Amino acid sequence: MRKWMLAFTACILMTACGAEEEKKEEAKKSTNSQEYNEATNTEGEEKPLSVAELDERIDEGMNIDTYSAEVQSWAEKGQLEMEQTVIVEDENTSSADILQLADGFLGVAYDEKEVTEVKMFQSVEQAKEYFESL
């Protein structure tokens, strides 16, 4: 009987050790998966857009409603940040948005109907100076 008890106890211990090892393996896989998601930014927010990518998506002559909807969508996804809106002094109906992207800033000037100018900048100050000088 004692031999059976020892064998049974040994089986239980081996099973417990095996289960603990599996938990460690699963935790390691989960950590690796989480690191992968963080590295590729697939969880929640999408990767930030680059100036070149956004420059291709926003064109002069683009409808202002379409532009506004697109920018709002990208901002909600965390792909860009709206840094500032500058009112162009010469024309009260004209404004310019300064958008912060992954690798720089994009200035987008527009009037009541459409996008009138799209220009890349290295800093917010540069963009602000440019649009205020118009």
C-alpha atoms as a PDB file:
ATOM      1  CA  MET A   1       0.000   0.000   0.000  1.00  0.00           C
ATOM      2  CA  ARG A   2       2.841   2.332   0.847  1.00  0.00           C
ATOM      3  CA  LYS A   3       4.385   1.797  -2.588  1.00  0.00           C
ATOM      4  CA  TRP A   4       1.098   2.756  -4.214  1.00  0.00           C
ATOM      5  CA  MET A   5       0.885   5.882  -2.086  1.00  0.00           C
ATOM      6  CA  LEU A   6       4.438   6.894  -3.049  1.00  0.00           C
ATOM      7  CA  ALA A   7       3.743   6.231  -6.719  1.00  0.00           C
ATOM      8  CA  PHE A   8       0.492   8.215  -6.544  1.00  0.00           C
ATOM      9  CA  THR A   9       2.232  11.144  -4.780  1.00  0.00           C
ATOM     10  CA  ALA A  10       5.037  11.091  -7.362  1.00  0.00           C
ATOM     11  CA  CYS A  11       2.451  11.211 -10.176  1.00  0.00           C
ATOM     12  CA  ILE A  12       0.688  14.181  -8.602  1.00  0.00           C
ATOM     13  CA  LEU A  13       3.989  16.052  -8.142  1.00  0.00           C
ATOM     14  CA  MET A  14       5.038  15.366 -11.717  1.00  0.00           C
ATOM     15  CA  THR A  15       1.660  16.543 -13.018  1.00  0.00           C
ATOM     16  CA  ALA A  16       1.865  19.719 -10.936  1.00  0.00           C
ATOM     17  CA  CYS A  17       5.386  20.449 -12.179  1.00  0.00           C
ATOM     18  CA  GLY A  18       4.288  19.885 -15.764  1.00  0.00           C
ATOM     19  CA  ALA A  19       1.305  22.222 -15.362  1.00  0.00           C
ATOM     20  CA  GLU A  20       3.548  24.886 -13.834  1.00  0.00           C
ATOM     21  CA  GLU A  21       5.940  24.539 -16.761  1.00  0.00           C
ATOM     22  CA  GLU A  22       3.022  24.950 -19.202  1.00  0.00           C
ATOM     23  CA  LYS A  23       1.901  28.112 -17.384  1.00  0.00           C
ATOM     24  CA  LYS A  24       5.422  29.522 -17.705  1.00  0.00           C
ATOM     25  CA  GLU A  25       5.430  28.702 -21.428  1.00  0.00           C
ATOM     26  CA  GLU A  26       2.002  30.339 -21.922  1.00  0.00           C
ATOM     27  CA  ALA A  27       3.087  33.430 -19.973  1.00  0.00           C
ATOM     28  CA  LYS A  28       6.208  33.669 -22.117  1.00  0.00           C
ATOM     29  CA  LYS A  29       4.160  33.351 -25.331  1.00  0.00           C
ATOM     30  CA  SER A  30       1.677  35.948 -24.072  1.00  0.00           C
ATOM     31  CA  THR A  31       4.507  38.357 -23.231  1.00  0.00           C
ATOM     32  CA  ASN A  32       6.092  37.803 -26.645  1.00  0.00           C
ATOM     33  CA  SER A  33       2.725  38.361 -28.321  1.00  0.00           C
ATOM     34  CA  GLN A  34       2.141  41.540 -26.309  1.00  0.00           C
ATOM     35  CA  GLU A  35       5.633  42.811 -27.186  1.00  0.00           C
ATOM     36  CA  TYR A  36       4.920  42.047 -30.837  1.00  0.00           C
ATOM     37  CA  ASN A  37       1.646  43.980 -30.684  1.00  0.00           C
ATOM     38  CA  GLU A  38       3.357  46.930 -29.016  1.00  0.00           C
ATOM     39  CA  ALA A  39       6.198  46.872 -31.527  1.00  0.00           C
ATOM     40  CA  THR A  40       3.865  46.778 -34.512  1.00  0.00           C
ATOM     41  CA  ASN A  41       1.265  48.952 -32.799  1.00  0.00           C
ATOM     42  CA  THR A  42      -1.580  46.635 -33.772  1.00  0.00           C
ATOM     43  CA  GLU A  43      -3.428  46.896 -30.472  1.00  0.00           C
ATOM     44  CA  GLY A  44      -5.732  49.923 -30.245  1.00  0.00           C
ATOM     45  CA  GLU A  45      -3.970  52.709 -32.099  1.00  0.00           C
ATOM     46  CA  GLU A  46      -2.640  52.349 -35.582  1.00  0.00           C
ATOM     47  CA  LYS A  47       0.867  53.408 -36.515  1.00  0.00           C
ATOM     48  CA  PRO A  48       1.386  57.146 -36.986  1.00  0.00           C
ATOM     49  CA  LEU A  49       1.317  58.405 -40.556  1.00  0.00           C
ATOM     50  CA  SER A  50       4.415  59.906 -42.136  1.00  0.00           C
ATOM     51  CA  VAL A  51       4.468  63.261 -43.897  1.00  0.00           C
ATOM     52  CA  ALA A  52       4.862  61.520 -47.267  1.00  0.00           C
ATOM     53  CA  GLU A  53       1.872  59.237 -46.645  1.00  0.00           C
ATOM     54  CA  LEU A  54      -0.396  62.106 -45.659  1.00  0.00           C
ATOM     55  CA  ASP A  55       0.890  64.316 -48.466  1.00  0.00           C
ATOM     56  CA  GLU A  56      -0.306  61.616 -50.882  1.00  0.00           C
ATOM     57  CA  ARG A  57      -3.750  61.466 -49.227  1.00  0.00           C
ATOM     58  CA  ILE A  58      -4.449  65.210 -49.005  1.00  0.00           C
ATOM     59  CA  ASP A  59      -4.431  67.152 -52.281  1.00  0.00           C
ATOM     60  CA  GLU A  60      -5.047  70.752 -53.218  1.00  0.00           C
ATOM     61  CA  GLY A  61      -8.641  71.052 -54.377  1.00  0.00           C
ATOM     62  CA  MET A  62      -9.851  68.350 -51.960  1.00  0.00           C
ATOM     63  CA  ASN A  63     -13.353  69.046 -50.582  1.00  0.00           C
ATOM     64  CA  ILE A  64     -13.144  70.608 -47.096  1.00  0.00           C
ATOM     65  CA  ASP A  65     -15.751  68.206 -45.654  1.00  0.00           C
ATOM     66  CA  THR A  66     -13.805  65.190 -46.898  1.00  0.00           C
ATOM     67  CA  TYR A  67     -10.570  66.650 -45.539  1.00  0.00           C
ATOM     68  CA  SER A  68     -12.127  67.324 -42.113  1.00  0.00           C
ATOM     69  CA  ALA A  69     -13.604  63.828 -41.860  1.00  0.00           C
ATOM     70  CA  GLU A  70     -10.302  62.185 -42.845  1.00  0.00           C
ATOM     71  CA  VAL A  71      -8.232  64.225 -40.372  1.00  0.00           C
ATOM     72  CA  GLN A  72     -10.692  63.522 -37.564  1.00  0.00           C
ATOM     73  CA  SER A  73     -10.591  59.805 -38.333  1.00  0.00           C
ATOM     74  CA  TRP A  74      -6.774  59.709 -38.354  1.00  0.00           C
ATOM     75  CA  ALA A  75      -6.613  61.713 -35.119  1.00  0.00           C
ATOM     76  CA  GLU A  76      -9.044  59.328 -33.378  1.00  0.00           C
ATOM     77  CA  LYS A  77      -6.876  56.388 -34.436  1.00  0.00           C
ATOM     78  CA  GLY A  78      -3.773  58.108 -33.052  1.00  0.00           C
ATOM     79  CA  GLN A  79      -2.165  58.407 -36.475  1.00  0.00           C
ATOM     80  CA  LEU A  80      -1.672  62.188 -36.225  1.00  0.00           C
ATOM     81  CA  GLU A  81      -2.113  65.079 -33.842  1.00  0.00           C
ATOM     82  CA  MET A  82      -3.709  68.398 -34.653  1.00  0.00           C
ATOM     83  CA  GLU A  83      -1.119  70.862 -33.352  1.00  0.00           C
ATOM     84  CA  GLN A  84      -2.665  74.185 -34.211  1.00  0.00           C
ATOM     85  CA  THR A  85      -5.042  76.037 -36.517  1.00  0.00           C
ATOM     86  CA  VAL A  86      -3.786  79.351 -37.898  1.00  0.00           C
ATOM     87  CA  ILE A  87      -6.131  81.971 -39.357  1.00  0.00           C
ATOM     88  CA  VAL A  88      -4.626  83.542 -42.460  1.00  0.00           C
ATOM     89  CA  GLU A  89      -4.838  87.308 -41.895  1.00  0.00           C
ATOM     90  CA  ASP A  90      -5.308  88.395 -45.514  1.00  0.00           C
ATOM     91  CA  GLU A  91      -8.485  86.413 -45.881  1.00  0.00           C
ATOM     92  CA  ASN A  92     -10.742  85.846 -42.870  1.00  0.00           C
ATOM     93  CA  THR A  93     -12.301  82.836 -44.569  1.00  0.00           C
ATOM     94  CA  SER A  94      -8.937  81.041 -44.881  1.00  0.00           C
ATOM     95  CA  SER A  95      -7.302  78.882 -42.216  1.00  0.00           C
ATOM     96  CA  ALA A  96      -4.455  76.416 -41.986  1.00  0.00           C
ATOM     97  CA  ASP A  97      -4.118  73.304 -39.848  1.00  0.00           C
ATOM     98  CA  ILE A  98      -0.706  72.221 -38.629  1.00  0.00           C
ATOM     99  CA  LEU A  99      -0.653  68.444 -38.280  1.00  0.00           C
ATOM    100  CA  GLN A 100       2.032  66.574 -36.340  1.00  0.00           C
ATOM    101  CA  LEU A 101       3.027  63.316 -37.968  1.00  0.00           C
ATOM    102  CA  ALA A 102       5.587  60.600 -37.276  1.00  0.00           C
ATOM    103  CA  ASP A 103       8.433  62.405 -39.034  1.00  0.00           C
ATOM    104  CA  GLY A 104       7.489  66.070 -39.244  1.00  0.00           C
ATOM    105  CA  PHE A 105       4.649  68.502 -39.714  1.00  0.00           C
ATOM    106  CA  LEU A 106       2.211  69.104 -42.530  1.00  0.00           C
ATOM    107  CA  GLY A 107       0.485  72.442 -43.034  1.00  0.00           C
ATOM    108  CA  VAL A 108      -2.869  72.316 -44.779  1.00  0.00           C
ATOM    109  CA  ALA A 109      -4.446  75.624 -45.822  1.00  0.00           C
ATOM    110  CA  TYR A 110      -8.114  75.710 -46.763  1.00  0.00           C
ATOM    111  CA  ASP A 111     -11.003  78.052 -47.411  1.00  0.00           C
ATOM    112  CA  GLU A 112     -14.736  77.501 -47.007  1.00  0.00           C
ATOM    113  CA  LYS A 113     -14.883  74.968 -49.853  1.00  0.00           C
ATOM    114  CA  GLU A 114     -11.578  73.210 -50.434  1.00  0.00           C
ATOM    115  CA  VAL A 115      -7.954  72.598 -49.498  1.00  0.00           C
ATOM    116  CA  THR A 116      -5.877  75.352 -51.089  1.00  0.00           C
ATOM    117  CA  GLU A 117      -2.303  74.394 -50.110  1.00  0.00           C
ATOM    118  CA  VAL A 118      -0.410  71.449 -48.626  1.00  0.00           C
ATOM    119  CA  LYS A 119       3.156  72.036 -47.445  1.00  0.00           C
ATOM    120  CA  MET A 120       5.704  70.111 -45.324  1.00  0.00           C
ATOM    121  CA  PHE A 121       7.558  71.708 -42.387  1.00  0.00           C
ATOM    122  CA  GLN A 122      10.230  70.718 -39.860  1.00  0.00           C
ATOM    123  CA  SER A 123       8.579  72.468 -36.885  1.00  0.00           C
ATOM    124  CA  VAL A 124       5.318  74.003 -35.724  1.00  0.00           C
ATOM    125  CA  GLU A 125       6.976  77.420 -35.513  1.00  0.00           C
ATOM    126  CA  GLN A 126       8.116  77.229 -39.142  1.00  0.00           C
ATOM    127  CA  ALA A 127       4.604  76.339 -40.290  1.00  0.00           C
ATOM    128  CA  LYS A 128       2.987  79.013 -38.143  1.00  0.00           C
ATOM    129  CA  GLU A 129       5.358  81.713 -39.451  1.00  0.00           C
ATOM    130  CA  TYR A 130       4.726  80.663 -43.036  1.00  0.00           C
ATOM    131  CA  PHE A 131       0.933  80.752 -42.806  1.00  0.00           C
ATOM    132  CA  GLU A 132       0.833  83.960 -40.774  1.00  0.00           C
ATOM    133  CA  SER A 133       2.977  85.669 -43.433  1.00  0.00           C
ATOM    134  CA  LEU A 134       0.464  84.933 -46.227  1.00  0.00           C
END
